[in-house]
Amino acid sequence: MEIIRANQITKSYVVGKVVTPVLRPMDIHIQEGEYIGIVGPSGSGKTTLLYVLSGLEQPTTGVVYYDSTNITEKKEDDRISLRQSYLGFIFQFYNLIQNLTVEENIQLAKVISSKKDSLEIDHVLEWVGMKEYKHYYPHQLSGGMQQRVAIARALVNRPKVIFADEPTGNLDSKNGQDIMELFRRLHHEEGVGIVLVTHSLENLKDCTRVIQLKDGQIVPHE
């Protein structure tokens, strides 16, 4: 089942009279449960593509659909609601609120979404191996532990797809491997779709498909 479809999307940034094209026209189709890696050199448009596909940024031209809903014609509040229904996000720098405990960070995600079928906090924390740390604050945790919390936060509202932007980029190799193992389990055991931006070819080993970018265009994966 196709869950996300992008038709002829482009993205350019304008500063004064200078227009910088970042994404050139491309079509992308994402099936439910796919594990997709997005790779390419720095400046190739990887993060921009992830942001456009996830609705965090609007394409300059083209359209993005969630199921049959054209999200590019929706107002921002409606796009936020759709993202909360469909998607989870994991970023390189965790984005945890420092004055909230682990439990409170995840509870906030539940409150903002208001999804009736959200998971219990203890369940997602146990799944990522962080249940015993639920009363800790982010500054009391290592980088790898904070990223586990970020994964739990992304999972709590039962997303169909998780968008991850360099989730191991701020971690040492051991913690990075542990996080990628969690992603593998997410895909194989929980059936969650994943769209992963990464510089590491090692992180692609469990992907079902790889999108390679160069100069804002999709090129054959090497």
Protein backbone atom coordinates (compact mmCIF):
# COMPACT_ATOMS: atom_id res chain seq x y z
CA MET A 1 0.00 0.00 0.00
CA GLU A 2 1.40 3.39 -1.01
CA ILE A 3 1.51 5.74 1.97
CA ILE A 4 3.52 8.75 0.69
CA ARG A 5 3.78 9.96 -2.89
CA ALA A 6 5.73 12.96 -4.17
CA ASN A 7 5.10 14.16 -7.72
CA GLN A 8 7.65 16.37 -9.48
CA ILE A 9 8.77 18.06 -6.28
CA THR A 10 11.46 20.75 -6.31
CA LYS A 11 12.89 22.95 -3.60
CA SER A 12 14.75 26.25 -3.97
CA TYR A 13 15.78 28.81 -1.38
CA VAL A 14 15.68 32.53 -2.15
CA VAL A 15 17.91 35.10 -0.43
CA GLY A 16 17.38 38.53 -1.90
CA LYS A 17 17.65 38.08 -5.65
CA VAL A 18 19.68 34.88 -5.37
CA VAL A 19 17.78 31.64 -6.03
CA THR A 20 19.54 28.44 -4.95
CA PRO A 21 17.98 25.22 -6.27
CA VAL A 22 18.42 22.34 -3.81
CA LEU A 23 16.05 19.68 -5.17
CA ARG A 24 15.43 19.27 -8.87
CA PRO A 25 12.21 17.64 -10.20
CA MET A 26 11.74 14.14 -8.83
CA ASP A 27 9.02 11.57 -8.15
CA ILE A 28 9.14 9.39 -5.04
CA HIS A 29 6.72 6.67 -3.90
CA ILE A 30 6.91 5.16 -0.41
CA GLN A 31 5.06 1.97 0.41
CA GLU A 32 3.79 1.15 3.89
CA GLY A 33 6.48 -0.66 5.89
CA GLU A 34 9.41 0.25 3.63
CA TYR A 35 12.84 0.96 5.10
CA ILE A 36 14.40 3.59 2.84
CA GLY A 37 17.90 5.02 3.07
CA ILE A 38 18.68 8.44 1.59
CA VAL A 39 22.38 8.96 0.86
CA GLY A 40 24.61 11.36 -1.01
CA PRO A 41 27.47 13.83 -0.45
CA SER A 42 27.07 16.89 1.73
CA GLY A 43 24.95 19.49 -0.03
CA SER A 44 23.18 16.93 -2.23
CA GLY A 45 19.77 17.70 -0.72
CA LYS A 46 19.28 14.72 1.62
CA THR A 47 17.88 16.59 4.62
CA THR A 48 15.85 18.92 2.41
CA LEU A 49 14.23 15.92 0.73
CA LEU A 50 13.41 14.39 4.12
CA TYR A 51 11.86 17.66 5.29
CA VAL A 52 9.75 18.00 2.13
CA LEU A 53 8.56 14.38 2.21
CA SER A 54 7.65 14.70 5.88
CA GLY A 55 5.80 17.99 5.45
CA LEU A 56 8.19 19.97 7.64
CA GLU A 57 8.87 22.14 4.58
CA GLN A 58 6.75 22.90 1.56
CA PRO A 59 8.12 22.05 -1.90
CA THR A 60 8.69 25.00 -4.20
CA THR A 61 6.79 23.14 -6.92
CA GLY A 62 5.14 19.73 -7.05
CA VAL A 63 2.84 17.96 -4.59
CA VAL A 64 3.17 15.50 -1.72
CA TYR A 65 0.36 13.09 -0.81
CA TYR A 66 -0.26 11.14 2.38
CA ASP A 67 -2.49 8.32 1.19
CA SER A 68 -4.78 10.32 -1.11
CA THR A 69 -4.49 13.63 0.76
CA ASN A 70 -2.54 16.42 -0.93
CA ILE A 71 -0.70 17.95 2.03
CA THR A 72 0.87 20.76 0.00
CA GLU A 73 -2.50 22.46 -0.35
CA LYS A 74 -3.30 22.18 3.35
CA LYS A 75 -2.91 24.96 5.90
CA GLU A 76 -0.05 24.61 8.37
CA ASP A 77 -2.33 23.55 11.23
CA ASP A 78 -3.77 20.78 9.06
CA ARG A 79 -0.29 19.65 8.01
CA ILE A 80 0.74 19.49 11.65
CA SER A 81 -2.29 17.32 12.42
CA LEU A 82 -1.47 15.00 9.52
CA ARG A 83 2.16 14.68 10.64
CA GLN A 84 1.03 13.80 14.14
CA SER A 85 -1.26 11.10 12.74
CA TYR A 86 1.22 9.53 10.32
CA LEU A 87 4.78 10.31 11.31
CA GLY A 88 7.46 10.19 13.96
CA PHE A 89 10.72 12.17 13.88
CA ILE A 90 14.23 11.42 15.13
CA PHE A 91 16.99 13.98 14.71
CA GLN A 92 20.75 13.99 15.19
CA PHE A 93 20.65 16.19 18.29
CA TYR A 94 17.73 14.48 20.10
CA ASN A 95 15.67 17.69 20.64
CA LEU A 96 14.61 16.68 24.13
CA ILE A 97 13.31 19.38 26.48
CA GLN A 98 16.01 19.71 29.11
CA ASN A 99 13.81 20.72 32.07
CA LEU A 100 11.45 17.78 31.56
CA THR A 101 12.15 14.22 32.66
CA VAL A 102 12.31 11.34 30.19
CA GLU A 103 8.74 10.42 31.08
CA GLU A 104 7.53 14.02 30.74
CA ASN A 105 9.19 14.43 27.31
CA ILE A 106 7.25 11.45 26.02
CA GLN A 107 4.05 12.48 27.80
CA LEU A 108 4.26 15.85 26.05
CA ALA A 109 4.30 14.09 22.67
CA LYS A 110 1.16 12.18 23.68
CA VAL A 111 -0.61 15.34 24.84
CA ILE A 112 0.25 17.30 21.69
CA SER A 113 -0.97 14.51 19.42
CA SER A 114 -4.10 13.55 21.41
CA LYS A 115 -4.20 10.21 19.57
CA LYS A 116 -6.56 7.80 21.29
CA ASP A 117 -4.50 4.75 20.35
CA SER A 118 -1.15 6.04 21.64
CA LEU A 119 1.02 3.55 23.51
CA GLU A 120 1.76 3.49 27.22
CA ILE A 121 4.93 5.36 28.13
CA ASP A 122 6.35 2.46 30.13
CA HIS A 123 5.83 0.19 27.12
CA VAL A 124 7.87 2.30 24.70
CA LEU A 125 10.56 3.00 27.29
CA GLU A 126 10.90 -0.70 28.02
CA TRP A 127 11.10 -1.40 24.29
CA VAL A 128 14.12 0.90 23.92
CA GLY A 129 15.69 -0.21 27.21
CA MET A 130 15.11 3.05 29.10
CA LYS A 131 12.26 2.27 31.52
CA GLU A 132 14.45 2.52 34.61
CA TYR A 133 15.54 6.02 33.58
CA LYS A 134 12.09 7.54 33.17
CA HIS A 135 12.56 10.00 36.06
CA TYR A 136 15.95 11.18 34.80
CA TYR A 137 16.53 14.49 33.03
CA PRO A 138 18.24 14.56 29.61
CA HIS A 139 21.45 16.09 30.99
CA GLN A 140 21.82 13.04 33.23
CA LEU A 141 21.91 10.69 30.22
CA SER A 142 24.56 9.83 27.64
CA GLY A 143 24.04 10.71 23.98
CA GLY A 144 23.06 7.16 23.13
CA MET A 145 20.54 7.06 25.97
CA GLN A 146 19.01 10.38 24.87
CA GLN A 147 18.63 9.04 21.34
CA ARG A 148 16.82 5.98 22.72
CA VAL A 149 14.43 8.35 24.48
CA ALA A 150 13.94 10.23 21.21
CA ILE A 151 13.04 6.92 19.53
CA ALA A 152 10.55 6.13 22.31
CA ARG A 153 9.02 9.59 21.86
CA ALA A 154 8.70 8.98 18.12
CA LEU A 155 7.02 5.60 18.73
CA VAL A 156 4.50 6.55 21.38
CA ASN A 157 1.83 7.77 18.93
CA ARG A 158 2.06 4.69 16.66
CA PRO A 159 3.47 6.38 13.52
CA LYS A 160 3.22 4.69 10.15
CA VAL A 161 6.58 6.13 9.12
CA ILE A 162 9.55 7.40 11.12
CA PHE A 163 11.76 10.04 9.50
CA ALA A 164 15.30 9.95 10.89
CA ASP A 165 17.90 12.59 10.01
CA GLU A 166 21.44 11.34 10.75
CA PRO A 167 20.30 9.65 14.00
CA THR A 168 23.79 8.23 14.68
CA GLY A 169 25.75 11.29 13.54
CA ASN A 170 26.33 12.55 17.09
CA LEU A 171 27.15 9.15 18.60
CA ASP A 172 30.23 6.96 18.95
CA SER A 173 30.35 3.75 16.91
CA LYS A 174 29.04 1.47 19.69
CA ASN A 175 26.03 3.65 20.48
CA GLY A 176 25.45 4.17 16.76
CA GLN A 177 25.31 0.41 16.21
CA ASP A 178 22.88 0.03 19.11
CA ILE A 179 20.56 2.68 17.63
CA MET A 180 20.65 1.03 14.20
CA GLU A 181 19.76 -2.30 15.82
CA LEU A 182 16.71 -0.61 17.33
CA PHE A 183 15.78 0.61 13.85
CA ARG A 184 16.15 -2.92 12.50
CA ARG A 185 13.82 -4.22 15.21
CA LEU A 186 11.35 -1.39 14.57
CA HIS A 187 11.12 -2.43 10.95
CA HIS A 188 11.16 -6.22 11.32
CA GLU A 189 9.25 -6.67 14.57
CA GLU A 190 6.90 -3.67 14.64
CA GLY A 191 6.41 -3.12 10.90
CA VAL A 192 7.15 0.61 11.15
CA GLY A 193 8.27 2.30 7.94
CA ILE A 194 11.55 4.20 8.15
CA VAL A 195 13.06 6.93 5.99
CA LEU A 196 16.68 7.34 7.05
CA VAL A 197 19.13 10.07 6.02
CA THR A 198 22.68 8.90 6.64
CA HIS A 199 26.29 9.35 5.56
CA SER A 200 27.18 5.84 6.71
CA LEU A 201 27.00 3.03 4.17
CA GLU A 202 27.01 0.59 7.10
CA ASN A 203 23.65 2.02 8.19
CA LEU A 204 22.10 0.94 4.87
CA LYS A 205 22.48 -2.80 5.38
CA ASP A 206 18.90 -3.32 6.57
CA CYS A 207 17.27 -0.92 4.09
CA THR A 208 14.86 -2.36 1.55
CA ARG A 209 15.60 0.50 -0.84
CA VAL A 210 18.21 3.26 -1.19
CA ILE A 211 17.70 6.69 -2.77
CA GLN A 212 21.00 8.29 -3.78
CA LEU A 213 21.17 12.02 -4.42
CA LYS A 214 23.74 14.09 -6.24
CA ASP A 215 23.32 17.82 -6.87
CA GLY A 216 19.65 17.63 -5.90
CA GLN A 217 18.82 14.80 -8.28
CA ILE A 218 18.23 11.08 -7.85
CA VAL A 219 21.03 9.06 -9.40
CA PRO A 220 21.57 5.27 -9.61
CA HIS A 221 22.74 3.88 -6.25
CA GLU A 222 26.30 2.66 -6.36
